[in-house]
Amino acid sequence: MFDNVRADLAATLDEIREAGLFKPERVIGSPQSAAVTVTGGGKPGEVLNFCANNYLGLADHPEVLAAAKDALDRWGYGMASVRFICGTQDVHKELEDRLSAFLGQEDTILYSSCFDANGGVFETLLDDRDAVISDALNHASIIDGIRLSKARRHRYANRDMADLEKQLKETQDARRRLIVTDGVFSMDGYVAPLREICDLAERYDAMVMVDDSHAVGFVGAGGRGTPELHGVMDRVDIITGTLGKALGGASGGYVAARREIVALLRQRSRPYLFSNSLAPVIAAASLKVLDLVEQSNELRERLAANTALFRSRMTEAGFEILPGDHAIAPVMIGDAAKAGRLAELLLERGVYVIGFSYPVVPHGQARIRVQLSAAHSTEDVERAVAAFVDARAALGE
C-alpha cells in the first residue's frame, strides 16, 4: 500500500521544491546566541543569527545556565508523569505563582508549549452555545485550538475594529463570547490594538484572550507584554504565552487568567491532563529569567536600540520594511523563490536569516523575517545591513 502513497508524497514534495517553497532545516553546532555555528545545510562556519526568537539574548546567559545546572542536581531531569498524577514539584508551583504576579493575573497553569496552551483553552471553556471571534492573522495554534471546540467561529480582519464590532453584533445571541488575538503578529511585527479591543469587549459583554508569545519579556515598560504596553493588564481575561522565546528560549507555555478559568483548565484541558509535566530544569531556569527581566531594563533598552538601528539603516538602503518598532523586522521581497535565494546569499555572507513564503504568509508577500536580539552588538547590526546590500546586488536587484 505504501508504495502508492510514497509516489504521491514524493510528487507533492517535488511540487513544493519547484515552487521555491521547500523549507530546509540547517544544522547548528553551537548554543543559540547572537552568532551560531552552522554545520550542515549551507556554508559551514560561524554566522550572525538574525532569525531566532532570542529577543533578550538569554538562551545562553551564564546566570540562566547556572540555574539550569543547579536544577538538574536538585530536581532531576524529567517528571515521567503528568501533573495530576505525580508530576508536580515545588518549582512548578513557584513558576506559576511568579508568572501570575508578573503578568498581573490571578493564576497560571503551565503547559509543555504555547501551542498546547492554545489548544487547551477553547474546548474547555466554550461549546456550541458560544462564539469565538478571532483575528484573521492569528497564530496557527489559535486556529487549531478553535477547531477543537464546538463554538461558532467568526473572524475579523486584522486589527480592524469596525469588523470586530460587526462580529460582536452578529453574535449577541451567544451564551459566551471570546475575542482572541495575537499580542504581536509574528509575520508582520504589528501590535494588536488591545485598548480598543477591550473597549469593545466591555461594550458587548465579551471576554478577551491574548497570545503574547512575541511580546512578553520585552514589550511594555516592565516587559509584561502588550497588555502592559496598552494599559489594559486588568482588562484582559486570558493571556497565553511561551517560555521558548524571550523568556530563555527553551520550551514550555502557560495560560495566565482569571482564577476560575485556570481551575477549570486543570480539570478538563486535554493537553494539560495528557502531557508530561514541564521539565523541572526549564521551570527553574525560567524563574532566573524572570529575575533578570524584573531587575533591569538594560536588555530591553539594548534590544530597542538594535531594532531602531536596523530598521533605519535598511530603510536608508532602499529596502521595504513593514512599519513599526517591534524587533520583528520583515524585509519584504514579494517573490517566494527570490526570498529563498536571498536568504542563501546572506548565509554565504555570514548572516543567517530565513525566507518566509506561502503558506506561512499570503501569496506574493514573501519576506525575510529579521529578528533582532539584545545579544547583537552595533557592529553585528551594521554587518547584517551591509550583507543585505551586497546580497541584493548579487541577486541582480
Protein backbone atom coordinates (compact mmCIF):
# COMPACT_ATOMS: atom_id res chain seq x y z
CA MET A 1 0.00 0.00 0.00
CA PHE A 2 2.69 2.50 0.96
CA ASP A 3 4.41 2.22 -2.43
CA ASN A 4 1.45 4.09 -3.95
CA VAL A 5 1.43 6.60 -1.10
CA ARG A 6 5.20 7.06 -1.41
CA ALA A 7 4.87 8.15 -5.04
CA ASP A 8 2.14 10.66 -4.15
CA LEU A 9 4.15 12.13 -1.28
CA ALA A 10 7.28 12.36 -3.41
CA ALA A 11 5.34 14.20 -6.12
CA THR A 12 3.98 16.64 -3.53
CA LEU A 13 7.48 17.27 -2.20
CA ASP A 14 8.75 17.87 -5.75
CA GLU A 15 5.97 20.42 -6.29
CA ILE A 16 6.97 22.23 -3.11
CA ARG A 17 10.60 22.37 -4.24
CA GLU A 18 9.71 23.53 -7.77
CA ALA A 19 7.58 26.33 -6.33
CA GLY A 20 10.52 27.53 -4.24
CA LEU A 21 8.59 26.79 -1.04
CA PHE A 22 10.72 23.98 0.39
CA LYS A 23 11.94 24.70 3.92
CA PRO A 24 15.37 23.16 4.59
CA GLU A 25 16.50 22.70 8.17
CA ARG A 26 20.02 23.92 8.74
CA VAL A 27 22.02 22.26 11.49
CA ILE A 28 23.58 24.38 14.25
CA GLY A 29 26.56 23.03 16.18
CA SER A 30 26.65 25.65 18.93
CA PRO A 31 24.42 27.21 21.60
CA GLN A 32 21.76 29.65 20.48
CA SER A 33 23.33 33.11 20.54
CA ALA A 34 23.99 36.24 18.50
CA ALA A 35 26.40 34.14 16.45
CA VAL A 36 25.99 30.42 15.79
CA THR A 37 27.99 27.72 14.03
CA VAL A 38 26.26 26.19 11.02
CA THR A 39 27.47 22.62 10.46
CA GLY A 40 25.21 21.49 7.63
CA GLY A 41 22.69 22.57 5.03
CA GLY A 42 24.70 25.60 3.94
CA LYS A 43 28.10 27.23 4.17
CA PRO A 44 29.68 25.90 7.37
CA GLY A 45 31.20 28.15 9.98
CA GLU A 46 30.18 30.91 12.36
CA VAL A 47 27.41 33.22 11.18
CA LEU A 48 25.40 36.03 12.73
CA ASN A 49 21.98 34.79 13.77
CA PHE A 50 19.13 37.14 12.85
CA CYS A 51 16.26 34.65 12.74
CA ALA A 52 15.84 33.41 16.33
CA ASN A 53 13.20 34.39 18.88
CA ASN A 54 16.02 35.01 21.35
CA TYR A 55 14.92 38.61 21.82
CA LEU A 56 16.68 39.27 25.13
CA GLY A 57 19.70 37.10 24.38
CA LEU A 58 19.02 34.88 27.39
CA ALA A 59 19.26 31.48 25.67
CA ASP A 60 22.92 31.16 26.68
CA HIS A 61 23.04 33.70 29.50
CA PRO A 62 25.52 32.47 32.17
CA GLU A 63 23.10 33.02 35.09
CA VAL A 64 20.35 31.11 33.29
CA LEU A 65 22.74 28.26 32.50
CA ALA A 66 23.89 28.15 36.12
CA ALA A 67 20.29 27.97 37.35
CA ALA A 68 19.60 25.14 34.92
CA LYS A 69 22.65 23.16 36.07
CA ASP A 70 21.70 23.60 39.73
CA ALA A 71 18.15 22.49 38.95
CA LEU A 72 19.37 19.22 37.42
CA ASP A 73 21.02 18.30 40.71
CA ARG A 74 18.07 19.39 42.84
CA TRP A 75 15.03 18.41 40.77
CA GLY A 76 16.28 15.80 38.30
CA TYR A 77 15.92 15.59 34.54
CA GLY A 78 12.23 14.88 33.94
CA MET A 79 8.99 14.07 35.71
CA ALA A 80 7.91 10.98 33.72
CA SER A 81 4.34 11.91 34.61
CA VAL A 82 1.51 14.34 34.09
CA ARG A 83 0.77 17.00 36.66
CA PHE A 84 -2.24 15.47 38.42
CA ILE A 85 -0.62 12.05 38.95
CA CYS A 86 2.88 12.66 40.31
CA GLY A 87 4.25 15.37 38.05
CA THR A 88 4.00 18.49 40.21
CA GLN A 89 7.04 19.80 42.08
CA ASP A 90 7.51 22.92 44.17
CA VAL A 91 9.36 24.51 41.26
CA HIS A 92 6.29 24.21 39.01
CA LYS A 93 4.05 25.92 41.55
CA GLU A 94 6.67 28.62 42.19
CA LEU A 95 6.91 29.42 38.49
CA GLU A 96 3.13 29.57 38.13
CA ASP A 97 2.92 31.99 41.06
CA ARG A 98 5.73 34.15 39.64
CA LEU A 99 4.12 34.32 36.19
CA SER A 100 0.77 35.28 37.74
CA ALA A 101 2.36 38.14 39.66
CA PHE A 102 4.48 39.24 36.69
CA LEU A 103 1.54 39.30 34.27
CA GLY A 104 -0.98 40.72 36.74
CA GLN A 105 -3.30 37.71 36.57
CA GLU A 106 -4.96 35.69 39.34
CA ASP A 107 -3.50 32.29 38.47
CA THR A 108 -1.34 30.49 35.89
CA ILE A 109 -1.16 26.96 34.53
CA LEU A 110 1.92 25.58 32.76
CA TYR A 111 1.86 23.60 29.50
CA SER A 112 4.55 21.85 27.50
CA SER A 113 4.25 24.56 24.83
CA CYS A 114 2.14 27.59 23.99
CA PHE A 115 0.77 25.57 21.06
CA ASP A 116 -0.66 23.18 23.66
CA ALA A 117 -1.85 26.06 25.82
CA ASN A 118 -3.83 27.50 22.92
CA GLY A 119 -5.01 24.00 22.05
CA GLY A 120 -6.41 23.51 25.53
CA VAL A 121 -8.37 26.70 26.15
CA PHE A 122 -11.26 26.86 23.69
CA GLU A 123 -12.63 23.32 24.01
CA THR A 124 -12.57 23.65 27.80
CA LEU A 125 -14.36 26.99 28.05
CA LEU A 126 -16.71 27.04 25.04
CA ASP A 127 -19.34 24.79 23.49
CA ASP A 128 -21.97 25.07 20.76
CA ARG A 129 -23.83 27.75 22.72
CA ASP A 130 -20.83 30.07 22.49
CA ALA A 131 -18.89 32.08 19.91
CA VAL A 132 -15.20 32.78 19.45
CA ILE A 133 -14.16 35.83 17.43
CA SER A 134 -10.61 35.57 16.12
CA ASP A 135 -8.28 37.98 14.31
CA ALA A 136 -7.70 36.78 10.75
CA LEU A 137 -3.91 36.69 11.20
CA ASN A 138 -3.80 34.80 14.50
CA HIS A 139 -1.19 32.11 15.03
CA ALA A 140 -1.81 28.59 13.75
CA SER A 141 -2.07 27.27 17.30
CA ILE A 142 -5.05 29.54 17.96
CA ILE A 143 -6.70 28.45 14.72
CA ASP A 144 -6.19 24.78 15.56
CA GLY A 145 -7.37 25.28 19.13
CA ILE A 146 -10.58 26.90 17.93
CA ARG A 147 -11.19 23.98 15.56
CA LEU A 148 -11.16 21.61 18.53
CA SER A 149 -14.10 23.40 20.14
CA LYS A 150 -17.76 23.29 19.15
CA ALA A 151 -18.12 27.05 19.44
CA ARG A 152 -19.31 29.13 16.49
CA ARG A 153 -16.31 30.56 14.69
CA HIS A 154 -16.08 34.14 13.49
CA ARG A 155 -13.11 36.07 12.08
CA TYR A 156 -12.43 39.79 11.84
CA ALA A 157 -9.94 41.43 9.51
CA ASN A 158 -6.51 42.00 11.04
CA ARG A 159 -6.71 44.76 13.69
CA ASP A 160 -9.96 46.03 12.11
CA MET A 161 -12.10 47.29 14.97
CA ALA A 162 -15.11 48.06 12.76
CA ASP A 163 -15.14 44.45 11.59
CA LEU A 164 -14.70 43.20 15.16
CA GLU A 165 -17.68 45.25 16.28
CA LYS A 166 -19.70 43.82 13.39
CA GLN A 167 -18.90 40.28 14.54
CA LEU A 168 -19.81 41.17 18.11
CA LYS A 169 -23.19 42.49 17.00
CA GLU A 170 -23.85 39.35 14.98
CA THR A 171 -23.11 37.04 17.93
CA GLN A 172 -25.17 38.70 20.65
CA ASP A 173 -27.32 35.55 20.98
CA ALA A 174 -24.32 33.51 22.17
CA ARG A 175 -24.05 32.46 25.81
CA ARG A 176 -20.36 33.36 25.97
CA ARG A 177 -18.18 35.26 23.53
CA LEU A 178 -14.41 35.22 23.47
CA ILE A 179 -12.34 37.66 21.42
CA VAL A 180 -8.89 36.24 20.73
CA THR A 181 -5.88 37.97 19.21
CA ASP A 182 -2.13 37.73 18.98
CA GLY A 183 -0.49 40.48 21.01
CA VAL A 184 2.12 40.80 18.26
CA PHE A 185 1.56 39.23 14.84
CA SER A 186 4.66 37.17 14.20
CA MET A 187 4.94 37.56 10.43
CA ASP A 188 4.45 41.34 10.41
CA GLY A 189 5.59 42.65 13.80
CA TYR A 190 2.30 44.54 14.12
CA VAL A 191 0.87 45.07 17.61
CA ALA A 192 -2.80 44.41 18.35
CA PRO A 193 -4.87 47.45 19.45
CA LEU A 194 -5.72 45.96 22.83
CA ARG A 195 -7.25 49.07 24.39
CA GLU A 196 -9.81 49.32 21.60
CA ILE A 197 -10.43 45.56 21.74
CA CYS A 198 -11.08 45.75 25.49
CA ASP A 199 -13.40 48.72 25.00
CA LEU A 200 -15.49 46.72 22.52
CA ALA A 201 -15.42 43.65 24.73
CA GLU A 202 -16.82 45.61 27.66
CA ARG A 203 -19.45 47.25 25.48
CA TYR A 204 -20.67 43.90 24.15
CA ASP A 205 -20.03 41.74 27.23
CA ALA A 206 -17.28 39.56 25.77
CA MET A 207 -14.08 38.10 27.21
CA VAL A 208 -10.62 38.90 25.81
CA MET A 209 -7.76 36.44 25.22
CA VAL A 210 -4.26 37.45 24.06
CA ASP A 211 -1.44 35.21 22.88
CA ASP A 212 1.54 37.35 23.87
CA SER A 213 4.32 34.98 22.83
CA HIS A 214 6.19 37.61 20.77
CA ALA A 215 5.91 40.32 23.42
CA VAL A 216 6.29 39.01 26.96
CA GLY A 217 9.69 39.82 28.41
CA PHE A 218 10.48 42.88 26.31
CA VAL A 219 7.34 44.78 25.25
CA GLY A 220 5.94 47.26 27.76
CA ALA A 221 7.77 49.33 30.34
CA GLY A 222 8.40 46.31 32.55
CA GLY A 223 8.46 43.67 29.85
CA ARG A 224 4.99 42.43 30.75
CA GLY A 225 3.80 42.43 27.16
CA THR A 226 1.14 44.12 25.12
CA PRO A 227 -1.43 44.40 27.95
CA GLU A 228 1.12 46.49 29.87
CA LEU A 229 2.00 48.47 26.74
CA HIS A 230 -1.66 49.45 26.27
CA GLY A 231 -2.50 49.82 29.96
CA VAL A 232 -5.10 47.02 30.00
CA MET A 233 -3.48 44.41 32.25
CA ASP A 234 -6.60 44.33 34.43
CA ARG A 235 -8.97 44.09 31.46
CA VAL A 236 -7.59 41.03 29.67
CA ASP A 237 -9.18 37.78 30.88
CA ILE A 238 -6.74 35.22 29.42
CA ILE A 239 -3.07 35.55 28.46
CA THR A 240 -1.23 32.70 26.78
CA GLY A 241 2.48 32.76 26.13
CA THR A 242 5.68 30.82 25.80
CA LEU A 243 8.89 30.32 27.73
CA GLY A 244 10.56 29.48 24.43
CA LYS A 245 11.18 32.95 23.03
CA ALA A 246 12.31 35.98 25.06
CA LEU A 247 11.99 34.11 28.37
CA GLY A 248 15.04 31.91 27.89
CA GLY A 249 14.29 30.27 24.57
CA ALA A 250 13.79 26.68 25.76
CA SER A 251 10.22 25.36 25.67
CA GLY A 252 7.03 25.44 27.68
CA GLY A 253 3.94 27.60 27.66
CA TYR A 254 1.31 28.90 30.03
CA VAL A 255 -2.18 30.28 30.45
CA ALA A 256 -2.41 33.17 32.91
CA ALA A 257 -6.02 34.08 33.58
CA ARG A 258 -8.88 34.57 36.00
CA ARG A 259 -8.73 32.10 38.87
CA GLU A 260 -11.81 30.13 37.85
CA ILE A 261 -10.60 29.74 34.26
CA VAL A 262 -7.29 28.24 35.38
CA ALA A 263 -9.05 25.96 37.87
CA LEU A 264 -11.28 24.56 35.12
CA LEU A 265 -8.31 24.11 32.77
CA ARG A 266 -6.59 21.98 35.41
CA GLN A 267 -9.64 19.70 35.46
CA ARG A 268 -10.53 19.47 31.76
CA SER A 269 -7.82 20.80 29.45
CA ARG A 270 -6.68 17.78 27.47
CA PRO A 271 -3.14 18.96 26.52
CA TYR A 272 -2.52 19.60 30.24
CA LEU A 273 -4.06 16.38 31.51
CA PHE A 274 -2.37 14.11 28.96
CA SER A 275 1.09 15.67 28.52
CA ASN A 276 4.16 15.21 30.68
CA SER A 277 4.94 18.00 33.11
CA LEU A 278 7.30 20.73 32.01
CA ALA A 279 10.88 19.61 32.69
CA PRO A 280 11.90 20.97 36.12
CA VAL A 281 15.16 22.33 34.74
CA ILE A 282 13.16 24.60 32.41
CA ALA A 283 10.90 25.75 35.23
CA ALA A 284 13.87 26.60 37.44
CA ALA A 285 15.76 28.40 34.67
CA SER A 286 12.62 30.37 33.83
CA LEU A 287 12.50 31.65 37.40
CA LYS A 288 16.01 33.02 36.92
CA VAL A 289 14.91 34.61 33.64
CA LEU A 290 12.09 36.41 35.44
CA ASP A 291 14.61 37.67 37.99
CA LEU A 292 16.73 39.14 35.20
CA VAL A 293 13.75 40.69 33.42
CA GLU A 294 12.44 42.33 36.58
CA GLN A 295 15.79 43.55 37.91
CA SER A 296 16.87 45.72 34.98
CA ASN A 297 15.74 47.41 31.77
CA GLU A 298 19.19 47.06 30.21
CA LEU A 299 18.38 44.17 27.87
CA ARG A 300 15.11 45.73 26.73
CA GLU A 301 16.83 49.02 26.03
CA ARG A 302 19.61 47.32 24.07
CA LEU A 303 17.05 45.38 22.01
CA ALA A 304 15.13 48.58 21.26
CA ALA A 305 18.33 50.33 20.15
CA ASN A 306 19.34 47.45 17.88
CA THR A 307 15.85 47.34 16.38
CA ALA A 308 15.79 51.07 15.66
CA LEU A 309 19.26 50.96 14.11
CA PHE A 310 18.47 48.03 11.82
CA ARG A 311 15.15 49.48 10.67
CA SER A 312 16.65 52.90 9.92
CA ARG A 313 19.74 51.58 8.12
CA MET A 314 17.72 49.18 5.97
CA THR A 315 15.24 51.90 5.05
CA GLU A 316 18.12 54.20 4.08
CA ALA A 317 19.48 51.38 1.90
CA GLY A 318 16.19 51.23 0.00
CA PHE A 319 14.69 48.06 1.45
CA GLU A 320 10.97 47.83 2.22
CA ILE A 321 10.36 47.00 5.88
CA LEU A 322 6.88 46.79 7.33
CA PRO A 323 6.35 49.80 9.64
CA GLY A 324 6.64 49.58 13.41
CA ASP A 325 9.19 49.40 16.18
CA HIS A 326 9.00 45.71 17.10
CA ALA A 327 12.10 43.51 16.99
CA ILE A 328 10.43 41.54 14.19
CA ALA A 329 11.51 43.50 11.11
CA PRO A 330 10.10 41.89 7.93
CA VAL A 331 12.09 42.75 4.81
CA MET A 332 9.53 42.47 2.02
CA ILE A 333 10.64 40.66 -1.15
CA GLY A 334 7.39 39.52 -2.81
CA ASP A 335 8.52 36.55 -4.87
CA ALA A 336 8.95 33.30 -2.91
CA ALA A 337 11.87 31.92 -4.91
CA LYS A 338 13.68 35.26 -4.75
CA ALA A 339 13.25 35.41 -0.98
CA GLY A 340 14.69 31.91 -0.63
CA ARG A 341 17.64 32.74 -2.88
CA LEU A 342 18.34 35.97 -0.99
CA ALA A 343 18.44 34.03 2.28
CA GLU A 344 21.01 31.65 0.74
CA LEU A 345 23.16 34.57 -0.43
CA LEU A 346 23.01 36.12 3.01
CA LEU A 347 24.14 32.88 4.63
CA GLU A 348 27.11 32.83 2.27
CA ARG A 349 27.91 36.31 3.57
CA GLY A 350 27.73 35.21 7.19
CA VAL A 351 24.18 36.26 8.08
CA TYR A 352 21.65 33.57 8.99
CA VAL A 353 18.07 34.52 8.09
CA ILE A 354 15.10 32.66 6.65
CA GLY A 355 12.81 33.43 3.73
CA PHE A 356 9.10 33.10 4.54
CA SER A 357 6.59 32.37 1.81
CA TYR A 358 3.20 30.75 1.23
CA PRO A 359 1.52 29.12 3.15
CA VAL A 360 3.19 30.86 6.10
CA VAL A 361 2.41 34.25 4.51
CA PRO A 362 0.00 35.11 1.65
CA HIS A 363 0.96 34.54 -1.99
CA GLY A 364 3.08 37.40 -3.32
CA GLN A 365 4.14 38.60 0.15
CA ALA A 366 7.31 36.57 0.65
CA ARG A 367 9.79 38.16 3.00
CA ILE A 368 12.94 37.79 5.05
CA ARG A 369 11.82 38.00 8.67
CA VAL A 370 14.73 39.56 10.54
CA GLN A 371 14.60 39.30 14.32
CA LEU A 372 16.83 41.50 16.44
CA SER A 373 18.26 40.47 19.80
CA ALA A 374 19.78 42.24 22.78
CA ALA A 375 22.73 39.90 22.24
CA HIS A 376 23.60 41.65 18.96
CA SER A 377 26.22 44.38 19.01
CA THR A 378 26.03 47.57 16.97
CA GLU A 379 28.71 46.09 14.72
CA ASP A 380 26.57 42.95 14.21
CA VAL A 381 23.64 45.06 13.04
CA GLU A 382 25.77 47.14 10.68
CA ARG A 383 27.32 43.97 9.25
CA ALA A 384 23.86 42.49 8.63
CA VAL A 385 22.74 45.58 6.72
CA ALA A 386 25.90 45.53 4.60
CA ALA A 387 25.29 41.85 3.83
CA PHE A 388 21.74 42.63 2.68
CA VAL A 389 23.03 45.29 0.33
CA ASP A 390 25.72 43.01 -1.08
CA ALA A 391 23.35 40.04 -1.46
CA ARG A 392 20.78 42.21 -3.24
CA ALA A 393 23.45 43.23 -5.74
CA ALA A 394 24.41 39.58 -6.27
CA LEU A 395 20.76 38.76 -6.87
CA GLY A 396 20.75 41.33 -9.65
CA GLU A 397 18.38 43.76 -7.96
